[in-house]
Amino acid sequence: QVQLAESGGGLVQPGESLRLSCAGSGFNLEPYGIGWFR
């Protein structure tokens, strides 16, 4: 099935860094434009 799944979040302290991932499953992301929102 077509799905996007975010990962890599959580609790961090001010000043730290984080890398979020957006993994596609069930379809190829290559032809798609991608946006990150909050």
Full PDB file with SEQRES, HELIX, SHEET, SSBOND, CRYST1, ORIGX, SCALE, CONECT and MASTER records, all heavy atoms in Angstrom:
SEQRES   1 A   38  GLN VAL GLN LEU ALA GLU SER GLY GLY GLY LEU VAL GLN          
SEQRES   2 A   38  PRO GLY GLU SER LEU ARG LEU SER CYS ALA GLY SER GLY          
SEQRES   3 A   38  PHE ASN LEU GLU PRO TYR GLY ILE GLY TRP PHE ARG              
SHEET    1 AA1 2 GLN A   3  SER A   7  0                                        
SHEET    2 AA1 2 SER A  21  SER A  25 -1                                        
CRYST1    1.000    1.000    1.000  90.00  90.00  90.00 P 1           1          
ORIGX1      1.000000  0.000000  0.000000        0.00000                         
ORIGX2      0.000000  1.000000  0.000000        0.00000                         
ORIGX3      0.000000  0.000000  1.000000        0.00000                         
SCALE1      1.000000  0.000000  0.000000        0.00000                         
SCALE2      0.000000  1.000000  0.000000        0.00000                         
SCALE3      0.000000  0.000000  1.000000        0.00000                         
ATOM      1  N   GLN A   1       0.837  -1.192   0.000  1.00  0.00           N  
ATOM      2  CA  GLN A   1       0.000   0.000   0.000  1.00  0.00           C  
ATOM      3  C   GLN A   1       0.875   1.245   0.000  1.00  0.00           C  
ATOM      4  O   GLN A   1       1.965   1.247   0.539  1.00  0.00           O  
ATOM      5  CB  GLN A   1      -0.918   0.010   1.219  1.00  0.00           C  
ATOM      6  CG  GLN A   1      -1.991  -1.055   1.198  1.00  0.00           C  
ATOM      7  CD  GLN A   1      -2.914  -0.934   2.383  1.00  0.00           C  
ATOM      8  OE1 GLN A   1      -2.483  -1.195   3.501  1.00  0.00           O  
ATOM      9  NE2 GLN A   1      -4.162  -0.558   2.125  1.00  0.00           N  
ATOM     10  N   VAL A   2       0.340   2.286  -0.574  1.00  0.00           N  
ATOM     11  CA  VAL A   2       1.054   3.548  -0.632  1.00  0.00           C  
ATOM     12  C   VAL A   2       1.078   4.175   0.751  1.00  0.00           C  
ATOM     13  O   VAL A   2       0.033   4.337   1.397  1.00  0.00           O  
ATOM     14  CB  VAL A   2       0.393   4.489  -1.639  1.00  0.00           C  
ATOM     15  CG1 VAL A   2       1.025   5.867  -1.584  1.00  0.00           C  
ATOM     16  CG2 VAL A   2       0.500   3.909  -3.040  1.00  0.00           C  
ATOM     17  N   GLN A   3       2.257   4.545   1.177  1.00  0.00           N  
ATOM     18  CA  GLN A   3       2.389   5.099   2.514  1.00  0.00           C  
ATOM     19  C   GLN A   3       3.640   5.956   2.612  1.00  0.00           C  
ATOM     20  O   GLN A   3       4.669   5.653   2.012  1.00  0.00           O  
ATOM     21  CB  GLN A   3       2.451   3.970   3.549  1.00  0.00           C  
ATOM     22  CG  GLN A   3       2.469   4.425   4.983  1.00  0.00           C  
ATOM     23  CD  GLN A   3       2.440   3.262   5.956  1.00  0.00           C  
ATOM     24  OE1 GLN A   3       2.055   2.150   5.607  1.00  0.00           O  
ATOM     25  NE2 GLN A   3       2.844   3.513   7.188  1.00  0.00           N  
ATOM     26  N   LEU A   4       3.530   7.025   3.381  1.00  0.00           N  
ATOM     27  CA  LEU A   4       4.670   7.803   3.810  1.00  0.00           C  
ATOM     28  C   LEU A   4       4.772   7.686   5.320  1.00  0.00           C  
ATOM     29  O   LEU A   4       3.755   7.787   6.019  1.00  0.00           O  
ATOM     30  CB  LEU A   4       4.526   9.276   3.434  1.00  0.00           C  
ATOM     31  CG  LEU A   4       4.639   9.651   1.963  1.00  0.00           C  
ATOM     32  CD1 LEU A   4       4.363  11.143   1.796  1.00  0.00           C  
ATOM     33  CD2 LEU A   4       6.015   9.307   1.420  1.00  0.00           C  
ATOM     34  N   ALA A   5       5.965   7.497   5.801  1.00  0.00           N  
ATOM     35  CA  ALA A   5       6.163   7.314   7.230  1.00  0.00           C  
ATOM     36  C   ALA A   5       7.324   8.166   7.706  1.00  0.00           C  
ATOM     37  O   ALA A   5       8.455   7.999   7.239  1.00  0.00           O  
ATOM     38  CB  ALA A   5       6.412   5.842   7.556  1.00  0.00           C  
ATOM     39  N   GLU A   6       7.039   9.059   8.635  1.00  0.00           N  
ATOM     40  CA  GLU A   6       8.075   9.874   9.246  1.00  0.00           C  
ATOM     41  C   GLU A   6       8.703   9.124  10.411  1.00  0.00           C  
ATOM     42  O   GLU A   6       8.031   8.370  11.112  1.00  0.00           O  
ATOM     43  CB  GLU A   6       7.507  11.202   9.749  1.00  0.00           C  
ATOM     44  CG  GLU A   6       6.849  12.073   8.682  1.00  0.00           C  
ATOM     45  CD  GLU A   6       5.359  11.842   8.575  1.00  0.00           C  
ATOM     46  OE1 GLU A   6       4.871  10.811   9.089  1.00  0.00           O  
ATOM     47  OE2 GLU A   6       4.661  12.693   7.979  1.00  0.00           O  
ATOM     48  N   SER A   7       9.963   9.378  10.625  1.00  0.00           N  
ATOM     49  CA  SER A   7      10.661   8.811  11.764  1.00  0.00           C  
ATOM     50  C   SER A   7      11.791   9.749  12.162  1.00  0.00           C  
ATOM     51  O   SER A   7      12.141  10.675  11.429  1.00  0.00           O  
ATOM     52  CB  SER A   7      11.196   7.411  11.461  1.00  0.00           C  
ATOM     53  OG  SER A   7      12.141   7.442  10.408  1.00  0.00           O  
ATOM     54  N   GLY A   8      12.354   9.498  13.321  1.00  0.00           N  
ATOM     55  CA  GLY A   8      13.487  10.272  13.782  1.00  0.00           C  
ATOM     56  C   GLY A   8      13.156  11.391  14.745  1.00  0.00           C  
ATOM     57  O   GLY A   8      14.062  12.113  15.180  1.00  0.00           O  
ATOM     58  N   GLY A   9      11.896  11.544  15.073  1.00  0.00           N  
ATOM     59  CA  GLY A   9      11.514  12.567  16.021  1.00  0.00           C  
ATOM     60  C   GLY A   9      11.735  12.122  17.452  1.00  0.00           C  
ATOM     61  O   GLY A   9      12.317  11.071  17.728  1.00  0.00           O  
ATOM     62  N   GLY A  10      11.263  12.938  18.363  1.00  0.00           N  
ATOM     63  CA  GLY A  10      11.395  12.611  19.764  1.00  0.00           C  
ATOM     64  C   GLY A  10      11.668  13.842  20.591  1.00  0.00           C  
ATOM     65  O   GLY A  10      11.428  14.980  20.166  1.00  0.00           O  
ATOM     66  N   LEU A  11      12.176  13.612  21.774  1.00  0.00           N  
ATOM     67  CA  LEU A  11      12.478  14.672  22.720  1.00  0.00           C  
ATOM     68  C   LEU A  11      13.954  15.026  22.641  1.00  0.00           C  
ATOM     69  O   LEU A  11      14.820  14.155  22.780  1.00  0.00           O  
ATOM     70  CB  LEU A  11      12.119  14.229  24.143  1.00  0.00           C  
ATOM     71  CG  LEU A  11      12.458  15.191  25.272  1.00  0.00           C  
ATOM     72  CD1 LEU A  11      11.660  16.480  25.133  1.00  0.00           C  
ATOM     73  CD2 LEU A  11      12.183  14.535  26.616  1.00  0.00           C  
ATOM     74  N   VAL A  12      14.231  16.296  22.417  1.00  0.00           N  
ATOM     75  CA  VAL A  12      15.599  16.782  22.359  1.00  0.00           C  
ATOM     76  C   VAL A  12      15.721  18.046  23.188  1.00  0.00           C  
ATOM     77  O   VAL A  12      14.729  18.716  23.480  1.00  0.00           O  
ATOM     78  CB  VAL A  12      16.065  17.056  20.917  1.00  0.00           C  
ATOM     79  CG1 VAL A  12      16.093  15.773  20.103  1.00  0.00           C  
ATOM     80  CG2 VAL A  12      15.155  18.083  20.255  1.00  0.00           C  
ATOM     81  N   GLN A  13      16.943  18.370  23.524  1.00  0.00           N  
ATOM     82  CA  GLN A  13      17.208  19.588  24.275  1.00  0.00           C  
ATOM     83  C   GLN A  13      17.510  20.741  23.339  1.00  0.00           C  
ATOM     84  O   GLN A  13      17.957  20.537  22.207  1.00  0.00           O  
ATOM     85  CB  GLN A  13      18.378  19.371  25.228  1.00  0.00           C  
ATOM     86  CG  GLN A  13      18.104  18.358  26.327  1.00  0.00           C  
ATOM     87  CD  GLN A  13      19.270  18.204  27.271  1.00  0.00           C  
ATOM     88  OE1 GLN A  13      20.413  18.459  26.901  1.00  0.00           O  
ATOM     89  NE2 GLN A  13      18.988  17.785  28.492  1.00  0.00           N  
ATOM     90  N   PRO A  14      17.269  21.961  23.781  1.00  0.00           N  
ATOM     91  CA  PRO A  14      17.603  23.114  22.943  1.00  0.00           C  
ATOM     92  C   PRO A  14      19.062  23.091  22.518  1.00  0.00           C  
ATOM     93  O   PRO A  14      19.948  22.755  23.305  1.00  0.00           O  
ATOM     94  CB  PRO A  14      17.302  24.307  23.849  1.00  0.00           C  
ATOM     95  CG  PRO A  14      16.263  23.807  24.792  1.00  0.00           C  
ATOM     96  CD  PRO A  14      16.608  22.369  25.043  1.00  0.00           C  
ATOM     97  N   GLY A  15      19.296  23.436  21.258  1.00  0.00           N  
ATOM     98  CA  GLY A  15      20.634  23.454  20.713  1.00  0.00           C  
ATOM     99  C   GLY A  15      21.057  22.178  20.027  1.00  0.00           C  
ATOM    100  O   GLY A  15      22.045  22.178  19.289  1.00  0.00           O  
ATOM    101  N   GLU A  16      20.350  21.110  20.250  1.00  0.00           N  
ATOM    102  CA  GLU A  16      20.692  19.839  19.626  1.00  0.00           C  
ATOM    103  C   GLU A  16      20.175  19.776  18.192  1.00  0.00           C  
ATOM    104  O   GLU A  16      19.412  20.625  17.745  1.00  0.00           O  
ATOM    105  CB  GLU A  16      20.135  18.683  20.447  1.00  0.00           C  
ATOM    106  CG  GLU A  16      20.778  18.539  21.813  1.00  0.00           C  
ATOM    107  CD  GLU A  16      20.269  17.346  22.586  1.00  0.00           C  
ATOM    108  OE1 GLU A  16      19.175  16.833  22.251  1.00  0.00           O  
ATOM    109  OE2 GLU A  16      20.962  16.906  23.521  1.00  0.00           O  
ATOM    110  N   SER A  17      20.609  18.748  17.486  1.00  0.00           N  
ATOM    111  CA  SER A  17      20.211  18.536  16.105  1.00  0.00           C  
ATOM    112  C   SER A  17      19.397  17.265  15.983  1.00  0.00           C  
ATOM    113  O   SER A  17      19.482  16.366  16.816  1.00  0.00           O  
ATOM    114  CB  SER A  17      21.441  18.447  15.199  1.00  0.00           C  
ATOM    115  OG  SER A  17      22.167  19.658  15.196  1.00  0.00           O  
ATOM    116  N   LEU A  18      18.644  17.207  14.916  1.00  0.00           N  
ATOM    117  CA  LEU A  18      17.775  16.070  14.666  1.00  0.00           C  
ATOM    118  C   LEU A  18      17.656  15.867  13.165  1.00  0.00           C  
ATOM    119  O   LEU A  18      17.640  16.840  12.407  1.00  0.00           O  
ATOM    120  CB  LEU A  18      16.402  16.339  15.274  1.00  0.00           C  
ATOM    121  CG  LEU A  18      15.493  15.170  15.655  1.00  0.00           C  
ATOM    122  CD1 LEU A  18      16.157  14.289  16.701  1.00  0.00           C  
ATOM    123  CD2 LEU A  18      14.173  15.714  16.175  1.00  0.00           C  
ATOM    124  N   ARG A  19      17.589  14.635  12.759  1.00  0.00           N  
ATOM    125  CA  ARG A  19      17.329  14.333  11.354  1.00  0.00           C  
ATOM    126  C   ARG A  19      16.062  13.509  11.246  1.00  0.00           C  
ATOM    127  O   ARG A  19      15.992  12.379  11.748  1.00  0.00           O  
ATOM    128  CB  ARG A  19      18.490  13.590  10.693  1.00  0.00           C  
ATOM    129  CG  ARG A  19      18.304  13.462   9.170  1.00  0.00           C  
ATOM    130  CD  ARG A  19      19.463  12.800   8.468  1.00  0.00           C  
ATOM    131  NE  ARG A  19      19.495  11.361   8.685  1.00  0.00           N  
ATOM    132  CZ  ARG A  19      20.177  10.506   7.942  1.00  0.00           C  
ATOM    133  NH1 ARG A  19      20.902  10.955   6.914  1.00  0.00           N  
ATOM    134  NH2 ARG A  19      20.171   9.214   8.220  1.00  0.00           N  
ATOM    135  N   LEU A  20      15.080  14.085  10.609  1.00  0.00           N  
ATOM    136  CA  LEU A  20      13.833  13.393  10.351  1.00  0.00           C  
ATOM    137  C   LEU A  20      13.904  12.675   9.016  1.00  0.00           C  
ATOM    138  O   LEU A  20      14.506  13.165   8.067  1.00  0.00           O  
ATOM    139  CB  LEU A  20      12.659  14.372  10.340  1.00  0.00           C  
ATOM    140  CG  LEU A  20      12.469  15.240  11.586  1.00  0.00           C  
ATOM    141  CD1 LEU A  20      11.252  16.136  11.407  1.00  0.00           C  
ATOM    142  CD2 LEU A  20      12.337  14.379  12.831  1.00  0.00           C  
ATOM    143  N   SER A  21      13.271  11.522   8.954  1.00  0.00           N  
ATOM    144  CA  SER A  21      13.212  10.747   7.726  1.00  0.00           C  
ATOM    145  C   SER A  21      11.776  10.617   7.272  1.00  0.00           C  
ATOM    146  O   SER A  21      10.856  10.531   8.087  1.00  0.00           O  
ATOM    147  CB  SER A  21      13.805   9.347   7.935  1.00  0.00           C  
ATOM    148  OG  SER A  21      15.168   9.414   8.288  1.00  0.00           O  
ATOM    149  N   CYS A  22      11.604  10.599   5.972  1.00  0.00           N  
ATOM    150  CA  CYS A  22      10.308  10.365   5.357  1.00  0.00           C  
ATOM    151  C   CYS A  22      10.492   9.243   4.359  1.00  0.00           C  
ATOM    152  O   CYS A  22      11.067   9.444   3.280  1.00  0.00           O  
ATOM    153  CB  CYS A  22       9.807  11.640   4.676  1.00  0.00           C  
ATOM    154  SG  CYS A  22       8.278  11.453   3.738  1.00  0.00           S  
ATOM    155  N   ALA A  23      10.039   8.074   4.722  1.00  0.00           N  
ATOM    156  CA  ALA A  23      10.242   6.889   3.905  1.00  0.00           C  
ATOM    157  C   ALA A  23       8.971   6.535   3.144  1.00  0.00           C  
ATOM    158  O   ALA A  23       7.889   6.452   3.731  1.00  0.00           O  
ATOM    159  CB  ALA A  23      10.669   5.706   4.772  1.00  0.00           C  
ATOM    160  N   GLY A  24       9.118   6.337   1.864  1.00  0.00           N  
ATOM    161  CA  GLY A  24       8.005   5.897   1.051  1.00  0.00           C  
ATOM    162  C   GLY A  24       7.949   4.387   0.987  1.00  0.00           C  
ATOM    163  O   GLY A  24       8.973   3.714   0.914  1.00  0.00           O  
ATOM    164  N   SER A  25       6.761   3.863   1.010  1.00  0.00           N  
ATOM    165  CA  SER A  25       6.556   2.435   0.821  1.00  0.00           C  
ATOM    166  C   SER A  25       5.361   2.234  -0.094  1.00  0.00           C  
ATOM    167  O   SER A  25       4.396   2.989  -0.041  1.00  0.00           O  
ATOM    168  CB  SER A  25       6.352   1.708   2.153  1.00  0.00           C  
ATOM    169  OG  SER A  25       5.210   2.204   2.833  1.00  0.00           O  
ATOM    170  N   GLY A  26       5.452   1.230  -0.930  1.00  0.00           N  
ATOM    171  CA  GLY A  26       4.387   0.966  -1.870  1.00  0.00           C  
ATOM    172  C   GLY A  26       4.429   1.807  -3.135  1.00  0.00           C  
ATOM    173  O   GLY A  26       3.618   1.591  -4.032  1.00  0.00           O  
ATOM    174  N   PHE A  27       5.340   2.755  -3.185  1.00  0.00           N  
ATOM    175  CA  PHE A  27       5.512   3.557  -4.387  1.00  0.00           C  
ATOM    176  C   PHE A  27       6.892   4.187  -4.379  1.00  0.00           C  
ATOM    177  O   PHE A  27       7.526   4.318  -3.326  1.00  0.00           O  
ATOM    178  CB  PHE A  27       4.417   4.618  -4.539  1.00  0.00           C  
ATOM    179  CG  PHE A  27       4.535   5.778  -3.592  1.00  0.00           C  
ATOM    180  CD1 PHE A  27       4.773   7.058  -4.076  1.00  0.00           C  
ATOM    181  CD2 PHE A  27       4.381   5.609  -2.230  1.00  0.00           C  
ATOM    182  CE1 PHE A  27       4.853   8.143  -3.211  1.00  0.00           C  
ATOM    183  CE2 PHE A  27       4.466   6.676  -1.354  1.00  0.00           C  
ATOM    184  CZ  PHE A  27       4.697   7.951  -1.854  1.00  0.00           C  
ATOM    185  N   ASN A  28       7.321   4.581  -5.543  1.00  0.00           N  
ATOM    186  CA  ASN A  28       8.637   5.170  -5.733  1.00  0.00           C  
ATOM    187  C   ASN A  28       8.529   6.683  -5.565  1.00  0.00           C  
ATOM    188  O   ASN A  28       7.756   7.333  -6.271  1.00  0.00           O  
ATOM    189  CB  ASN A  28       9.172   4.809  -7.114  1.00  0.00           C  
ATOM    190  CG  ASN A  28      10.608   5.228  -7.330  1.00  0.00           C  
ATOM    191  OD1 ASN A  28      11.212   5.899  -6.496  1.00  0.00           O  
ATOM    192  ND2 ASN A  28      11.167   4.834  -8.462  1.00  0.00           N  
ATOM    193  N   LEU A  29       9.315   7.236  -4.670  1.00  0.00           N  
ATOM    194  CA  LEU A  29       9.279   8.670  -4.414  1.00  0.00           C  
ATOM    195  C   LEU A  29       9.952   9.503  -5.488  1.00  0.00           C  
ATOM    196  O   LEU A  29       9.746  10.718  -5.535  1.00  0.00           O  
ATOM    197  CB  LEU A  29       9.930   8.985  -3.070  1.00  0.00           C  
ATOM    198  CG  LEU A  29       9.183   8.583  -1.802  1.00  0.00           C  
ATOM    199  CD1 LEU A  29       9.991   9.010  -0.579  1.00  0.00           C  
ATOM    200  CD2 LEU A  29       7.797   9.196  -1.770  1.00  0.00           C  
ATOM    201  N   GLU A  30      10.736   8.886  -6.306  1.00  0.00           N  
ATOM    202  CA  GLU A  30      11.565   9.637  -7.244  1.00  0.00           C  
ATOM    203  C   GLU A  30      10.787  10.630  -8.109  1.00  0.00           C  
ATOM    204  O   GLU A  30      11.250  11.758  -8.301  1.00  0.00           O  
ATOM    205  CB  GLU A  30      12.370   8.685  -8.115  1.00  0.00           C  
ATOM    206  CG  GLU A  30      13.396   9.384  -9.001  1.00  0.00           C  
ATOM    207  CD  GLU A  30      14.287   8.414  -9.729  1.00  0.00           C  
ATOM    208  OE1 GLU A  30      14.084   7.193  -9.610  1.00  0.00           O  
ATOM    209  OE2 GLU A  30      15.208   8.883 -10.429  1.00  0.00           O  
ATOM    210  N   PRO A  31       9.615  10.279  -8.638  1.00  0.00           N  
ATOM    211  CA  PRO A  31       8.888  11.241  -9.475  1.00  0.00           C  
ATOM    212  C   PRO A  31       8.129  12.302  -8.697  1.00  0.00           C  
ATOM    213  O   PRO A  31       7.449  13.128  -9.316  1.00  0.00           O  
ATOM    214  CB  PRO A  31       7.908  10.360 -10.262  1.00  0.00           C  
ATOM    215  CG  PRO A  31       8.275   8.945  -9.970  1.00  0.00           C  
ATOM    216  CD  PRO A  31       8.937   8.966  -8.652  1.00  0.00           C  
ATOM    217  N   TYR A  32       8.209  12.302  -7.393  1.00  0.00           N  
ATOM    218  CA  TYR A  32       7.413  13.195  -6.568  1.00  0.00           C  
ATOM    219  C   TYR A  32       8.235  14.324  -5.980  1.00  0.00           C  
ATOM    220  O   TYR A  32       9.376  14.142  -5.557  1.00  0.00           O  
ATOM    221  CB  TYR A  32       6.767  12.414  -5.423  1.00  0.00           C  
ATOM    222  CG  TYR A  32       5.681  11.469  -5.859  1.00  0.00           C  
ATOM    223  CD1 TYR A  32       5.991  10.210  -6.344  1.00  0.00           C  
ATOM    224  CD2 TYR A  32       4.345  11.843  -5.782  1.00  0.00           C  
ATOM    225  CE1 TYR A  32       4.996   9.341  -6.754  1.00  0.00           C  
ATOM    226  CE2 TYR A  32       3.347  10.982  -6.183  1.00  0.00           C  
ATOM    227  CZ  TYR A  32       3.678   9.731  -6.667  1.00  0.00           C  
ATOM    228  OH  TYR A  32       2.679   8.872  -7.059  1.00  0.00           O  
ATOM    229  N   GLY A  33       7.617  15.487  -5.969  1.00  0.00           N  
ATOM    230  CA  GLY A  33       8.138  16.546  -5.135  1.00  0.00           C  
ATOM    231  C   GLY A  33       7.758  16.278  -3.691  1.00  0.00           C  
ATOM    232  O   GLY A  33       6.699  15.708  -3.407  1.00  0.00           O  
ATOM    233  N   ILE A  34       8.614  16.686  -2.778  1.00  0.00           N  
ATOM    234  CA  ILE A  34       8.419  16.388  -1.367  1.00  0.00           C  
ATOM    235  C   ILE A  34       8.425  17.686  -0.562  1.00  0.00           C  
ATOM    236  O   ILE A  34       9.252  18.566  -0.799  1.00  0.00           O  
ATOM    237  CB  ILE A  34       9.507  15.454  -0.824  1.00  0.00           C  
ATOM    238  CG1 ILE A  34       9.576  14.170  -1.659  1.00  0.00           C  
ATOM    239  CG2 ILE A  34       9.249  15.124   0.645  1.00  0.00           C  
ATOM    240  CD1 ILE A  34       8.327  13.322  -1.606  1.00  0.00           C  
ATOM    241  N   GLY A  35       7.518  17.755   0.375  1.00  0.00           N  
ATOM    242  CA  GLY A  35       7.480  18.885   1.281  1.00  0.00           C  
ATOM    243  C   GLY A  35       7.511  18.438   2.726  1.00  0.00           C  
ATOM    244  O   GLY A  35       6.964  17.384   3.072  1.00  0.00           O  
ATOM    245  N   TRP A  36       8.171  19.224   3.549  1.00  0.00           N  
ATOM    246  CA  TRP A  36       8.145  19.048   4.989  1.00  0.00           C  
ATOM    247  C   TRP A  36       7.353  20.189   5.608  1.00  0.00           C  
ATOM    248  O   TRP A  36       7.575  21.359   5.281  1.00  0.00           O  
ATOM    249  CB  TRP A  36       9.552  19.024   5.579  1.00  0.00           C  
ATOM    250  CG  TRP A  36      10.246  17.710   5.471  1.00  0.00           C  
ATOM    251  CD1 TRP A  36      11.173  17.340   4.552  1.00  0.00           C  
ATOM    252  CD2 TRP A  36      10.086  16.586   6.339  1.00  0.00           C  
ATOM    253  NE1 TRP A  36      11.611  16.064   4.775  1.00  0.00           N  
ATOM    254  CE2 TRP A  36      10.949  15.576   5.880  1.00  0.00           C  
ATOM    255  CE3 TRP A  36       9.301  16.334   7.461  1.00  0.00           C  
ATOM    256  CZ2 TRP A  36      11.055  14.327   6.493  1.00  0.00           C  
ATOM    257  CZ3 TRP A  36       9.391  15.090   8.075  1.00  0.00           C  
ATOM    258  CH2 TRP A  36      10.258  14.109   7.587  1.00  0.00           C  
ATOM    259  N   PHE A  37       6.468  19.839   6.503  1.00  0.00           N  
ATOM    260  CA  PHE A  37       5.596  20.790   7.165  1.00  0.00           C  
ATOM    261  C   PHE A  37       5.612  20.521   8.656  1.00  0.00           C  
ATOM    262  O   PHE A  37       6.041  19.461   9.109  1.00  0.00           O  
ATOM    263  CB  PHE A  37       4.157  20.673   6.638  1.00  0.00           C  
ATOM    264  CG  PHE A  37       4.020  20.908   5.167  1.00  0.00           C  
ATOM    265  CD1 PHE A  37       4.312  19.911   4.256  1.00  0.00           C  
ATOM    266  CD2 PHE A  37       3.597  22.137   4.690  1.00  0.00           C  
ATOM    267  CE1 PHE A  37       4.187  20.121   2.897  1.00  0.00           C  
ATOM    268  CE2 PHE A  37       3.462  22.367   3.333  1.00  0.00           C  
ATOM    269  CZ  PHE A  37       3.761  21.364   2.441  1.00  0.00           C  
ATOM    270  N   ARG A  38       5.130  21.482   9.397  1.00  0.00           N  
ATOM    271  CA  ARG A  38       4.948  21.265  10.825  1.00  0.00           C  
ATOM    272  C   ARG A  38       3.717  22.015  11.301  1.00  0.00           C  
ATOM    273  O   ARG A  38       3.289  22.990  10.694  1.00  0.00           O  
ATOM    274  CB  ARG A  38       6.176  21.708  11.629  1.00  0.00           C  
ATOM    275  CG  ARG A  38       6.389  23.212  11.699  1.00  0.00           C  
ATOM    276  CD  ARG A  38       7.667  23.540  12.457  1.00  0.00           C  
ATOM    277  NE  ARG A  38       7.908  24.972  12.510  1.00  0.00           N  
ATOM    278  CZ  ARG A  38       9.029  25.521  12.943  1.00  0.00           C  
ATOM    279  NH1 ARG A  38      10.031  24.744  13.367  1.00  0.00           N  
ATOM    280  NH2 ARG A  38       9.169  26.843  12.964  1.00  0.00           N  
TER     281      ARG A  38                                                      
MASTER        0    0    0    0    2    0    0    6  280    1    0    3          
END                                                                             
